[in-house]
């Protein structure tokens, strides 16, 4: 399989607005993830969703364009070549979107720890996955998202 950041074969294409090419598996990586993302001009922040990973750390490297990144410290525009780290836990909460009239392309590298818990503070949701995020699902996997308002006690 081809694993090239400049000529990626996109695995996901959400209405031409948001594309992803998971390159880690194509390069035979076992414990590291790397994906190329492409955001169309004016790609809304809601598509990425402000989220954090409890089990994995991520690192963003801007290839082209000027994406905006929201973190607990606020929002900032990144330039080509900029790097932003998102550690596991609340301090690594982030959202990436494109406010410009030009496409944005960036690399996202990550550890591939499982199980994983992903929280979406703005949406009041949480996801649990028994596999590393971005990896291929299996028939007996657990991958589910819940509204925090629906939670029950551990003895309920």
C-alpha atoms as a PDB file:
ATOM      1  CA  UNK A   1       0.000   0.000   0.000  1.00  0.00           C
ATOM      2  CA  UNK A   2       1.084   3.557  -0.641  1.00  0.00           C
ATOM      3  CA  UNK A   3       2.077   5.717   2.312  1.00  0.00           C
ATOM      4  CA  UNK A   4       2.967   9.179   1.039  1.00  0.00           C
ATOM      5  CA  UNK A   5       2.038  12.462   2.727  1.00  0.00           C
ATOM      6  CA  UNK A   6       2.103  14.401  -0.553  1.00  0.00           C
ATOM      7  CA  UNK A   7      -0.051  11.982  -2.587  1.00  0.00           C
ATOM      8  CA  UNK A   8      -2.287  10.306  -0.012  1.00  0.00           C
ATOM      9  CA  UNK A   9      -5.101   7.965  -0.920  1.00  0.00           C
ATOM     10  CA  UNK A  10      -7.906   9.291   1.259  1.00  0.00           C
ATOM     11  CA  UNK A  11      -9.844   6.673   3.248  1.00  0.00           C
ATOM     12  CA  UNK A  12     -12.580   9.027   4.381  1.00  0.00           C
ATOM     13  CA  UNK A  13     -14.211  11.896   2.552  1.00  0.00           C
ATOM     14  CA  UNK A  14     -17.024  13.707   4.348  1.00  0.00           C
ATOM     15  CA  UNK A  15     -18.883  15.607   1.634  1.00  0.00           C
ATOM     16  CA  UNK A  16     -15.621  16.972   0.224  1.00  0.00           C
ATOM     17  CA  UNK A  17     -15.200  19.116   3.341  1.00  0.00           C
ATOM     18  CA  UNK A  18     -13.035  16.842   5.461  1.00  0.00           C
ATOM     19  CA  UNK A  19     -10.711  14.089   4.179  1.00  0.00           C
ATOM     20  CA  UNK A  20      -8.473  11.633   6.026  1.00  0.00           C
ATOM     21  CA  UNK A  21      -5.792   9.214   4.873  1.00  0.00           C
ATOM     22  CA  UNK A  22      -4.610   6.803   7.590  1.00  0.00           C
ATOM     23  CA  UNK A  23      -0.982   6.242   6.628  1.00  0.00           C
ATOM     24  CA  UNK A  24       0.258   4.377   9.699  1.00  0.00           C
ATOM     25  CA  UNK A  25      -1.188   1.006   8.655  1.00  0.00           C
ATOM     26  CA  UNK A  26       0.026   1.540   5.081  1.00  0.00           C
ATOM     27  CA  UNK A  27       3.566   2.047   6.397  1.00  0.00           C
ATOM     28  CA  UNK A  28       3.187  -1.044   8.637  1.00  0.00           C
ATOM     29  CA  UNK A  29       3.344   1.007  11.853  1.00  0.00           C
ATOM     30  CA  UNK A  30       2.202  -0.963  14.890  1.00  0.00           C
ATOM     31  CA  UNK A  31       2.184   1.496  17.792  1.00  0.00           C
ATOM     32  CA  UNK A  32       2.218   4.887  16.065  1.00  0.00           C
ATOM     33  CA  UNK A  33      -0.514   6.514  14.047  1.00  0.00           C
ATOM     34  CA  UNK A  34      -0.059   9.047  11.280  1.00  0.00           C
ATOM     35  CA  UNK A  35      -2.803  10.489   9.136  1.00  0.00           C
ATOM     36  CA  UNK A  36      -3.046  13.246   6.556  1.00  0.00           C
ATOM     37  CA  UNK A  37      -6.110  15.448   6.937  1.00  0.00           C
ATOM     38  CA  UNK A  38      -7.394  17.885   4.371  1.00  0.00           C
ATOM     39  CA  UNK A  39      -9.923  20.550   5.282  1.00  0.00           C
ATOM     40  CA  UNK A  40     -11.813  22.397   2.567  1.00  0.00           C
ATOM     41  CA  UNK A  41     -12.008  26.194   2.697  1.00  0.00           C
ATOM     42  CA  UNK A  42     -14.246  27.363   5.540  1.00  0.00           C
ATOM     43  CA  UNK A  43     -14.461  23.863   7.055  1.00  0.00           C
ATOM     44  CA  UNK A  44     -16.523  24.398  10.239  1.00  0.00           C
ATOM     45  CA  UNK A  45     -15.175  23.739  13.721  1.00  0.00           C
ATOM     46  CA  UNK A  46     -18.144  21.490  14.490  1.00  0.00           C
ATOM     47  CA  UNK A  47     -16.825  18.861  12.079  1.00  0.00           C
ATOM     48  CA  UNK A  48     -13.775  18.113  14.215  1.00  0.00           C
ATOM     49  CA  UNK A  49     -15.526  18.748  17.508  1.00  0.00           C
ATOM     50  CA  UNK A  50     -13.658  19.993  20.563  1.00  0.00           C
ATOM     51  CA  UNK A  51     -12.392  16.772  22.138  1.00  0.00           C
ATOM     52  CA  UNK A  52      -9.690  15.145  24.217  1.00  0.00           C
ATOM     53  CA  UNK A  53      -8.178  11.694  24.416  1.00  0.00           C
ATOM     54  CA  UNK A  54      -7.542  10.058  27.771  1.00  0.00           C
ATOM     55  CA  UNK A  55      -5.328   7.279  26.400  1.00  0.00           C
ATOM     56  CA  UNK A  56      -3.446   8.880  23.524  1.00  0.00           C
ATOM     57  CA  UNK A  57      -1.266  11.862  22.757  1.00  0.00           C
ATOM     58  CA  UNK A  58      -1.402  13.606  19.379  1.00  0.00           C
ATOM     59  CA  UNK A  59       0.926  15.897  17.450  1.00  0.00           C
ATOM     60  CA  UNK A  60      -0.224  18.119  14.572  1.00  0.00           C
ATOM     61  CA  UNK A  61       2.149  19.332  11.833  1.00  0.00           C
ATOM     62  CA  UNK A  62       0.811  21.861   9.318  1.00  0.00           C
ATOM     63  CA  UNK A  63       1.749  21.005   5.715  1.00  0.00           C
ATOM     64  CA  UNK A  64      -0.227  23.664   3.807  1.00  0.00           C
ATOM     65  CA  UNK A  65      -2.626  26.437   4.694  1.00  0.00           C
ATOM     66  CA  UNK A  66      -3.428  28.131   7.976  1.00  0.00           C
ATOM     67  CA  UNK A  67      -5.668  26.043  10.248  1.00  0.00           C
ATOM     68  CA  UNK A  68      -7.148  27.384  13.452  1.00  0.00           C
ATOM     69  CA  UNK A  69      -6.637  25.303  16.589  1.00  0.00           C
ATOM     70  CA  UNK A  70      -8.773  25.630  19.693  1.00  0.00           C
ATOM     71  CA  UNK A  71      -7.213  24.420  22.957  1.00  0.00           C
ATOM     72  CA  UNK A  72      -7.933  25.138  26.644  1.00  0.00           C
ATOM     73  CA  UNK A  73      -5.728  28.241  26.230  1.00  0.00           C
ATOM     74  CA  UNK A  74      -7.944  29.640  23.450  1.00  0.00           C
ATOM     75  CA  UNK A  75      -7.789  29.790  19.670  1.00  0.00           C
ATOM     76  CA  UNK A  76      -4.758  30.440  17.486  1.00  0.00           C
ATOM     77  CA  UNK A  77      -3.982  30.312  13.797  1.00  0.00           C
ATOM     78  CA  UNK A  78      -1.105  28.060  12.771  1.00  0.00           C
ATOM     79  CA  UNK A  79       1.227  28.625   9.824  1.00  0.00           C
ATOM     80  CA  UNK A  80       2.768  26.103   7.459  1.00  0.00           C
ATOM     81  CA  UNK A  81       5.410  24.117   9.324  1.00  0.00           C
ATOM     82  CA  UNK A  82       3.940  24.833  12.772  1.00  0.00           C
ATOM     83  CA  UNK A  83       3.640  21.981  15.246  1.00  0.00           C
ATOM     84  CA  UNK A  84       1.066  21.663  18.039  1.00  0.00           C
ATOM     85  CA  UNK A  85       1.038  18.933  20.701  1.00  0.00           C
ATOM     86  CA  UNK A  86      -2.088  17.598  22.392  1.00  0.00           C
ATOM     87  CA  UNK A  87      -1.151  15.513  25.452  1.00  0.00           C
ATOM     88  CA  UNK A  88      -3.513  12.908  26.843  1.00  0.00           C
ATOM     89  CA  UNK A  89      -6.089  14.304  29.258  1.00  0.00           C
ATOM     90  CA  UNK A  90      -7.894  17.617  29.670  1.00  0.00           C
ATOM     91  CA  UNK A  91      -4.832  19.748  28.910  1.00  0.00           C
ATOM     92  CA  UNK A  92      -4.760  18.226  25.412  1.00  0.00           C
ATOM     93  CA  UNK A  93      -8.323  19.131  24.423  1.00  0.00           C
ATOM     94  CA  UNK A  94      -8.418  20.444  20.874  1.00  0.00           C
ATOM     95  CA  UNK A  95     -10.373  21.212  17.737  1.00  0.00           C
ATOM     96  CA  UNK A  96      -8.924  21.932  14.284  1.00  0.00           C
ATOM     97  CA  UNK A  97     -10.823  23.853  11.634  1.00  0.00           C
ATOM     98  CA  UNK A  98     -10.301  26.051   8.590  1.00  0.00           C
ATOM     99  CA  UNK A  99     -11.529  29.651   8.623  1.00  0.00           C
ATOM    100  CA  UNK A 100      -9.698  30.585   5.420  1.00  0.00           C
ATOM    101  CA  UNK A 101     -10.572  30.599   1.722  1.00  0.00           C
ATOM    102  CA  UNK A 102      -7.745  28.105   0.963  1.00  0.00           C
ATOM    103  CA  UNK A 103      -7.552  24.356   1.696  1.00  0.00           C
ATOM    104  CA  UNK A 104      -5.601  23.174   4.747  1.00  0.00           C
ATOM    105  CA  UNK A 105      -3.577  19.972   4.921  1.00  0.00           C
ATOM    106  CA  UNK A 106      -1.897  18.658   8.061  1.00  0.00           C
ATOM    107  CA  UNK A 107      -0.377  15.545   9.566  1.00  0.00           C
ATOM    108  CA  UNK A 108      -1.677  14.138  12.824  1.00  0.00           C
ATOM    109  CA  UNK A 109       0.624  11.729  14.628  1.00  0.00           C
ATOM    110  CA  UNK A 110      -0.529   9.777  17.649  1.00  0.00           C
ATOM    111  CA  UNK A 111       0.275   7.041  20.037  1.00  0.00           C
ATOM    112  CA  UNK A 112      -2.001   4.064  19.423  1.00  0.00           C
ATOM    113  CA  UNK A 113      -3.023   3.001  22.920  1.00  0.00           C
ATOM    114  CA  UNK A 114      -6.101   0.953  23.652  1.00  0.00           C
ATOM    115  CA  UNK A 115      -8.570   1.008  25.182  1.00  0.00           C
ATOM    116  CA  UNK A 116      -9.356   4.662  24.564  1.00  0.00           C
ATOM    117  CA  UNK A 117     -11.796   7.137  26.062  1.00  0.00           C
ATOM    118  CA  UNK A 118     -12.602  10.288  24.087  1.00  0.00           C
ATOM    119  CA  UNK A 119     -14.492  13.158  25.722  1.00  0.00           C
ATOM    120  CA  UNK A 120     -16.341  15.984  23.947  1.00  0.00           C
ATOM    121  CA  UNK A 121     -16.728  18.724  26.608  1.00  0.00           C
ATOM    122  CA  UNK A 122     -18.881  21.080  24.501  1.00  0.00           C
ATOM    123  CA  UNK A 123     -21.262  18.318  23.431  1.00  0.00           C
ATOM    124  CA  UNK A 124     -21.386  16.578  26.816  1.00  0.00           C
ATOM    125  CA  UNK A 125     -20.468  13.238  25.201  1.00  0.00           C
ATOM    126  CA  UNK A 126     -17.937  10.499  25.799  1.00  0.00           C
ATOM    127  CA  UNK A 127     -16.767   7.670  23.573  1.00  0.00           C
ATOM    128  CA  UNK A 128     -15.230   4.362  24.608  1.00  0.00           C
ATOM    129  CA  UNK A 129     -13.275   2.212  22.183  1.00  0.00           C
ATOM    130  CA  UNK A 130     -11.496  -1.081  22.823  1.00  0.00           C
ATOM    131  CA  UNK A 131      -9.082  -0.437  19.945  1.00  0.00           C
ATOM    132  CA  UNK A 132      -6.716   2.424  19.156  1.00  0.00           C
ATOM    133  CA  UNK A 133      -8.531   5.355  17.546  1.00  0.00           C
ATOM    134  CA  UNK A 134      -8.298   5.348  13.772  1.00  0.00           C
ATOM    135  CA  UNK A 135      -7.508   1.647  13.561  1.00  0.00           C
ATOM    136  CA  UNK A 136      -9.710  -0.818  11.735  1.00  0.00           C
ATOM    137  CA  UNK A 137     -12.697  -2.102  13.681  1.00  0.00           C
ATOM    138  CA  UNK A 138     -13.350  -5.773  14.282  1.00  0.00           C
ATOM    139  CA  UNK A 139     -16.523  -7.808  14.593  1.00  0.00           C
ATOM    140  CA  UNK A 140     -16.390  -8.073  18.394  1.00  0.00           C
ATOM    141  CA  UNK A 141     -15.244  -4.523  19.073  1.00  0.00           C
ATOM    142  CA  UNK A 142     -16.679  -2.108  21.594  1.00  0.00           C
ATOM    143  CA  UNK A 143     -16.982   1.376  20.113  1.00  0.00           C
ATOM    144  CA  UNK A 144     -19.787   3.459  21.585  1.00  0.00           C
ATOM    145  CA  UNK A 145     -20.599   7.112  22.290  1.00  0.00           C
ATOM    146  CA  UNK A 146     -22.872   8.351  25.060  1.00  0.00           C
ATOM    147  CA  UNK A 147     -24.322  11.566  26.405  1.00  0.00           C
ATOM    148  CA  UNK A 148     -22.957  12.233  29.873  1.00  0.00           C
ATOM    149  CA  UNK A 149     -26.457  13.231  31.035  1.00  0.00           C
ATOM    150  CA  UNK A 150     -27.528   9.592  30.504  1.00  0.00           C
ATOM    151  CA  UNK A 151     -24.980   8.197  32.951  1.00  0.00           C
ATOM    152  CA  UNK A 152     -25.960   5.962  35.837  1.00  0.00           C
ATOM    153  CA  UNK A 153     -24.119   4.940  38.988  1.00  0.00           C
ATOM    154  CA  UNK A 154     -21.843   1.908  38.908  1.00  0.00           C
ATOM    155  CA  UNK A 155     -24.388  -0.092  40.974  1.00  0.00           C
ATOM    156  CA  UNK A 156     -27.459   0.948  38.947  1.00  0.00           C
END
